[in-house]
Amino acid sequence: MNSFLAQRHFEETCVICEIQKPKGIHLYTSFICTDCEKDLIQTNTSDPKYKYFLQKLKKINTPEIFS
């Protein structure tokens, strides 16, 4: 059970797919999982899915200000 808790502790929610994943990259204060990163990189700009990615990425355009 300890390994389960440790695994859950290190998972973060992807800003694109909104699923908790253990691996990915950080952009400012947001997390993008490796699956979405690969899909984003391989998507052609004329594909409708690209527009979906842009909408999701607008969430991370401005870093949050912590007080």
N, C-alpha and C. Protein backbone atom coordinates (compact mmCIF):
# COMPACT_ATOMS: atom_id res chain seq x y z
N MET A 1 0.82 -1.19 0.00
CA MET A 1 0.00 0.00 0.00
C MET A 1 0.87 1.26 0.00
N ASN A 2 2.03 1.20 0.60
CA ASN A 2 2.90 2.37 0.62
C ASN A 2 3.31 2.80 -0.78
N SER A 3 3.56 1.83 -1.68
CA SER A 3 3.93 2.20 -3.05
C SER A 3 2.76 2.86 -3.77
N PHE A 4 1.53 2.44 -3.45
CA PHE A 4 0.35 3.06 -4.05
C PHE A 4 0.25 4.52 -3.61
N LEU A 5 0.44 4.77 -2.33
CA LEU A 5 0.38 6.13 -1.83
C LEU A 5 1.49 6.99 -2.41
N ALA A 6 2.67 6.42 -2.53
CA ALA A 6 3.79 7.16 -3.10
C ALA A 6 3.53 7.50 -4.56
N GLN A 7 2.96 6.55 -5.30
CA GLN A 7 2.67 6.79 -6.72
C GLN A 7 1.62 7.90 -6.86
N ARG A 8 0.57 7.86 -6.05
CA ARG A 8 -0.48 8.86 -6.12
C ARG A 8 0.07 10.24 -5.74
N HIS A 9 1.03 10.24 -4.85
CA HIS A 9 1.60 11.50 -4.38
C HIS A 9 2.34 12.22 -5.51
N PHE A 10 2.94 11.51 -6.42
CA PHE A 10 3.76 12.12 -7.46
C PHE A 10 3.02 12.33 -8.77
N GLU A 11 1.75 11.97 -8.83
CA GLU A 11 0.99 12.22 -10.04
C GLU A 11 0.45 13.64 -10.03
N GLU A 12 0.40 14.25 -11.22
CA GLU A 12 -0.14 15.60 -11.34
C GLU A 12 -1.21 15.59 -12.42
N THR A 13 -2.09 16.56 -12.37
CA THR A 13 -3.17 16.65 -13.33
C THR A 13 -2.71 17.43 -14.56
N CYS A 14 -2.86 16.81 -15.71
CA CYS A 14 -2.48 17.43 -16.98
C CYS A 14 -3.46 18.54 -17.33
N VAL A 15 -2.93 19.67 -17.78
CA VAL A 15 -3.75 20.82 -18.13
C VAL A 15 -4.54 20.56 -19.42
N ILE A 16 -4.13 19.60 -20.23
CA ILE A 16 -4.81 19.32 -21.49
C ILE A 16 -5.87 18.22 -21.33
N CYS A 17 -5.46 17.04 -20.89
CA CYS A 17 -6.41 15.92 -20.78
C CYS A 17 -7.11 15.88 -19.42
N GLU A 18 -6.60 16.64 -18.46
CA GLU A 18 -7.17 16.74 -17.11
C GLU A 18 -7.22 15.40 -16.38
N ILE A 19 -6.24 14.54 -16.67
CA ILE A 19 -6.09 13.24 -16.01
C ILE A 19 -4.78 13.26 -15.23
N GLN A 20 -4.79 12.63 -14.08
CA GLN A 20 -3.56 12.56 -13.28
C GLN A 20 -2.60 11.57 -13.91
N LYS A 21 -1.38 12.04 -14.15
CA LYS A 21 -0.35 11.23 -14.77
C LYS A 21 0.96 11.40 -14.01
N PRO A 22 1.82 10.38 -14.03
CA PRO A 22 3.08 10.47 -13.28
C PRO A 22 4.22 11.16 -14.03
N LYS A 23 4.16 11.22 -15.37
CA LYS A 23 5.28 11.77 -16.14
C LYS A 23 4.80 12.87 -17.07
N GLY A 24 5.66 13.89 -17.21
CA GLY A 24 5.33 14.98 -18.10
C GLY A 24 6.29 16.14 -17.92
N ILE A 25 5.89 17.28 -18.45
CA ILE A 25 6.73 18.48 -18.36
C ILE A 25 5.95 19.59 -17.64
N HIS A 26 6.70 20.54 -17.10
CA HIS A 26 6.08 21.70 -16.46
C HIS A 26 6.33 22.92 -17.33
N LEU A 27 5.27 23.68 -17.52
CA LEU A 27 5.35 24.94 -18.25
C LEU A 27 4.76 26.00 -17.33
N TYR A 28 5.60 26.88 -16.84
CA TYR A 28 5.23 27.81 -15.77
C TYR A 28 4.76 27.00 -14.58
N THR A 29 3.50 27.16 -14.19
CA THR A 29 2.98 26.43 -13.03
C THR A 29 2.08 25.28 -13.45
N SER A 30 2.02 24.95 -14.74
CA SER A 30 1.14 23.90 -15.24
C SER A 30 1.92 22.67 -15.65
N PHE A 31 1.21 21.54 -15.71
CA PHE A 31 1.79 20.25 -16.03
C PHE A 31 1.15 19.72 -17.31
N ILE A 32 1.97 19.21 -18.24
CA ILE A 32 1.48 18.57 -19.46
C ILE A 32 2.06 17.16 -19.47
N CYS A 33 1.19 16.15 -19.53
CA CYS A 33 1.65 14.76 -19.50
C CYS A 33 2.37 14.42 -20.81
N THR A 34 3.17 13.37 -20.77
CA THR A 34 3.96 12.99 -21.94
C THR A 34 3.07 12.56 -23.11
N ASP A 35 1.91 11.96 -22.82
CA ASP A 35 1.00 11.56 -23.90
C ASP A 35 0.48 12.78 -24.66
N CYS A 36 0.04 13.79 -23.93
CA CYS A 36 -0.48 15.00 -24.57
C CYS A 36 0.64 15.77 -25.26
N GLU A 37 1.82 15.76 -24.67
CA GLU A 37 2.96 16.44 -25.28
C GLU A 37 3.28 15.83 -26.65
N LYS A 38 3.32 14.51 -26.70
CA LYS A 38 3.60 13.83 -27.97
C LYS A 38 2.52 14.10 -28.99
N ASP A 39 1.26 14.03 -28.54
CA ASP A 39 0.13 14.26 -29.44
C ASP A 39 0.15 15.69 -29.98
N LEU A 40 0.45 16.64 -29.11
CA LEU A 40 0.52 18.04 -29.51
C LEU A 40 1.61 18.28 -30.55
N ILE A 41 2.76 17.70 -30.33
CA ILE A 41 3.90 17.88 -31.24
C ILE A 41 3.61 17.29 -32.62
N GLN A 42 2.90 16.16 -32.66
CA GLN A 42 2.64 15.46 -33.91
C GLN A 42 1.41 15.97 -34.66
N THR A 43 0.61 16.84 -34.04
CA THR A 43 -0.61 17.33 -34.66
C THR A 43 -0.30 18.45 -35.65
N ASN A 44 -0.84 18.32 -36.83
CA ASN A 44 -0.67 19.33 -37.87
C ASN A 44 -1.51 20.56 -37.52
N THR A 45 -1.04 21.73 -37.86
CA THR A 45 -1.76 22.96 -37.53
C THR A 45 -3.10 23.08 -38.25
N SER A 46 -3.31 22.34 -39.31
CA SER A 46 -4.59 22.38 -40.02
C SER A 46 -5.60 21.39 -39.43
N ASP A 47 -5.16 20.55 -38.52
CA ASP A 47 -6.03 19.57 -37.86
C ASP A 47 -6.92 20.28 -36.83
N PRO A 48 -8.22 19.96 -36.78
CA PRO A 48 -9.11 20.58 -35.78
C PRO A 48 -8.66 20.32 -34.34
N LYS A 49 -7.95 19.22 -34.13
CA LYS A 49 -7.46 18.89 -32.79
C LYS A 49 -6.43 19.93 -32.33
N TYR A 50 -5.74 20.56 -33.25
CA TYR A 50 -4.75 21.58 -32.91
C TYR A 50 -5.43 22.78 -32.23
N LYS A 51 -6.60 23.13 -32.73
CA LYS A 51 -7.36 24.24 -32.14
C LYS A 51 -7.77 23.89 -30.71
N TYR A 52 -8.11 22.63 -30.48
CA TYR A 52 -8.44 22.16 -29.13
C TYR A 52 -7.24 22.34 -28.20
N PHE A 53 -6.06 21.97 -28.68
CA PHE A 53 -4.84 22.14 -27.88
C PHE A 53 -4.60 23.60 -27.55
N LEU A 54 -4.81 24.48 -28.51
CA LEU A 54 -4.61 25.91 -28.28
C LEU A 54 -5.54 26.43 -27.19
N GLN A 55 -6.79 25.98 -27.21
CA GLN A 55 -7.74 26.40 -26.18
C GLN A 55 -7.29 25.97 -24.80
N LYS A 56 -6.80 24.74 -24.70
CA LYS A 56 -6.32 24.22 -23.42
C LYS A 56 -5.05 24.94 -22.96
N LEU A 57 -4.18 25.25 -23.91
CA LEU A 57 -2.92 25.90 -23.56
C LEU A 57 -3.09 27.36 -23.16
N LYS A 58 -4.22 27.96 -23.47
CA LYS A 58 -4.48 29.34 -23.05
C LYS A 58 -4.52 29.45 -21.54
N LYS A 59 -4.80 28.35 -20.86
CA LYS A 59 -4.83 28.35 -19.40
C LYS A 59 -3.46 28.65 -18.81
N ILE A 60 -2.41 28.32 -19.56
CA ILE A 60 -1.06 28.49 -19.02
C ILE A 60 -0.31 29.66 -19.65
N ASN A 61 -1.04 30.53 -20.31
CA ASN A 61 -0.42 31.67 -20.96
C ASN A 61 0.21 32.63 -19.95
N THR A 62 -0.43 32.82 -18.82
CA THR A 62 0.05 33.73 -17.81
C THR A 62 0.35 32.98 -16.53
N PRO A 63 1.56 33.11 -16.00
CA PRO A 63 1.86 32.43 -14.74
C PRO A 63 1.03 33.01 -13.59
N GLU A 64 0.68 32.16 -12.64
CA GLU A 64 -0.07 32.62 -11.49
C GLU A 64 0.84 33.45 -10.58
N ILE A 65 0.23 34.41 -9.90
CA ILE A 65 0.97 35.23 -8.95
C ILE A 65 0.58 34.77 -7.56
N PHE A 66 1.56 34.36 -6.79
CA PHE A 66 1.30 33.91 -5.44
C PHE A 66 1.62 35.04 -4.46
N SER A 67 0.72 35.25 -3.52
CA SER A 67 0.98 36.31 -2.54
C SER A 67 1.21 35.74 -1.16
